[in-house]
Amino acid sequence: APQKSKGGESINSKIALVVKSGKYNLGYKTTLKTLRSGKAKLILLASNTPPLRKSEIEYYALLAKTHVEHYKGDNHVLGTACGRLYPVGTMAITDGGDSDIIRALTQE
């Protein structure tokens, strides 16, 4: 169990670094726009994203050849990881900044 929480912590710190130094979009609509334009490098989905919404984003990501990471926490936890005080269901990372999150998650 400690190994799993450590992985969760490291992804949270990587998300925090992206928020600080990289470029990203929060939310369903902007994530779809980013996917359509082909700018998204990585998509993060909260665990409680509705199934239809999840499958739609996965389909767009498949067409755009973008990796989708299913975040372990729900949208409140993902919002907190992004440094926001509100729930965040989806997050599109367009530029990782100083973080190696894109490389780390696409190699898994």
Protein backbone atom coordinates (compact mmCIF):
# COMPACT_ATOMS: atom_id res chain seq x y z
CA ALA A 1 0.00 0.00 0.00
CA PRO A 2 2.75 2.59 0.75
CA GLN A 3 4.16 2.08 -2.77
CA LYS A 4 0.82 3.06 -4.31
CA SER A 5 0.46 6.23 -2.24
CA LYS A 6 4.02 7.22 -3.14
CA GLY A 7 3.11 6.94 -6.84
CA GLY A 8 0.06 9.11 -6.21
CA GLU A 9 2.17 11.67 -4.38
CA SER A 10 4.72 11.84 -7.18
CA ILE A 11 2.03 12.38 -9.83
CA ASN A 12 0.53 15.14 -7.65
CA SER A 13 3.89 16.88 -7.36
CA LYS A 14 4.35 16.56 -11.14
CA ILE A 15 0.90 18.08 -11.72
CA ALA A 16 1.81 20.92 -9.34
CA LEU A 17 5.01 21.53 -11.33
CA VAL A 18 3.06 21.61 -14.62
CA VAL A 19 0.63 24.12 -13.10
CA LYS A 20 3.57 26.25 -11.97
CA SER A 21 5.78 26.08 -15.05
CA GLY A 22 3.88 24.51 -17.97
CA LYS A 23 0.80 25.06 -20.10
CA TYR A 24 -2.45 23.23 -19.46
CA ASN A 25 -6.23 23.43 -19.78
CA LEU A 26 -8.75 22.46 -17.13
CA GLY A 27 -12.26 21.29 -17.90
CA TYR A 28 -14.11 19.17 -20.40
CA LYS A 29 -14.82 21.72 -23.15
CA THR A 30 -11.32 23.18 -23.28
CA THR A 31 -9.82 19.67 -23.19
CA LEU A 32 -11.87 18.71 -26.26
CA LYS A 33 -10.80 21.93 -28.04
CA THR A 34 -7.16 21.20 -27.23
CA LEU A 35 -7.51 17.62 -28.50
CA ARG A 36 -9.18 18.75 -31.71
CA SER A 37 -6.45 21.28 -32.39
CA GLY A 38 -3.85 18.55 -31.76
CA LYS A 39 -1.97 20.51 -29.09
CA ALA A 40 -2.59 18.15 -26.17
CA LYS A 41 0.36 15.99 -25.08
CA LEU A 42 -1.34 14.27 -22.14
CA ILE A 43 -4.88 14.04 -20.77
CA LEU A 44 -5.71 13.44 -17.11
CA LEU A 45 -9.19 12.15 -16.26
CA ALA A 46 -10.62 12.10 -12.74
CA SER A 47 -11.90 8.73 -11.49
CA ASN A 48 -15.51 9.92 -11.27
CA THR A 49 -15.73 11.36 -14.79
CA PRO A 50 -19.07 10.26 -16.32
CA PRO A 51 -18.66 7.22 -18.62
CA LEU A 52 -19.96 8.97 -21.76
CA ARG A 53 -17.67 11.94 -21.24
CA LYS A 54 -14.74 9.62 -20.49
CA SER A 55 -15.27 7.54 -23.63
CA GLU A 56 -15.67 10.67 -25.79
CA ILE A 57 -12.37 12.10 -24.56
CA GLU A 58 -10.68 8.70 -24.99
CA TYR A 59 -11.97 8.54 -28.57
CA TYR A 60 -10.70 12.03 -29.40
CA ALA A 61 -7.37 11.16 -27.76
CA LEU A 62 -7.16 7.98 -29.85
CA LEU A 63 -7.59 10.03 -33.02
CA ALA A 64 -5.06 12.61 -31.84
CA LYS A 65 -2.64 9.87 -30.70
CA THR A 66 -2.56 11.39 -27.20
CA HIS A 67 -2.02 9.42 -24.00
CA VAL A 68 -4.91 9.39 -21.49
CA GLU A 69 -4.02 8.90 -17.83
CA HIS A 70 -6.78 7.82 -15.46
CA TYR A 71 -6.10 9.77 -12.29
CA LYS A 72 -6.59 7.73 -9.10
CA GLY A 73 -8.52 10.42 -7.22
CA ASP A 74 -11.91 11.94 -7.99
CA ASN A 75 -12.46 15.44 -9.41
CA HIS A 76 -12.09 17.13 -6.01
CA VAL A 77 -8.66 15.54 -5.47
CA LEU A 78 -7.59 16.43 -9.03
CA GLY A 79 -8.72 20.01 -8.44
CA THR A 80 -6.66 20.17 -5.27
CA ALA A 81 -3.65 18.71 -7.11
CA CYS A 82 -4.01 21.53 -9.66
CA GLY A 83 -4.04 24.04 -6.83
CA ARG A 84 -7.69 24.92 -7.41
CA LEU A 85 -10.46 25.18 -4.82
CA TYR A 86 -13.00 23.64 -7.17
CA PRO A 87 -13.42 20.17 -8.74
CA VAL A 88 -11.52 19.48 -11.98
CA GLY A 89 -12.79 16.55 -14.05
CA THR A 90 -10.36 16.70 -16.96
CA MET A 91 -6.97 18.28 -17.51
CA ALA A 92 -5.13 18.62 -20.82
CA ILE A 93 -1.39 19.25 -20.65
CA THR A 94 -0.04 21.05 -23.73
CA ASP A 95 3.43 21.85 -22.36
CA GLY A 96 5.01 20.03 -19.44
CA GLY A 97 7.28 22.90 -18.45
CA ASP A 98 9.93 21.76 -15.96
CA SER A 99 7.96 18.59 -15.18
CA ASP A 100 8.69 15.20 -16.77
CA ILE A 101 5.05 14.08 -16.35
CA ILE A 102 4.46 13.53 -20.09
CA ARG A 103 7.55 11.33 -20.49
CA ALA A 104 6.94 9.51 -17.21
CA LEU A 105 3.29 8.65 -17.86
CA THR A 106 3.56 7.80 -21.55
CA GLN A 107 6.34 5.27 -20.87
CA GLU A 108 4.36 3.32 -18.25
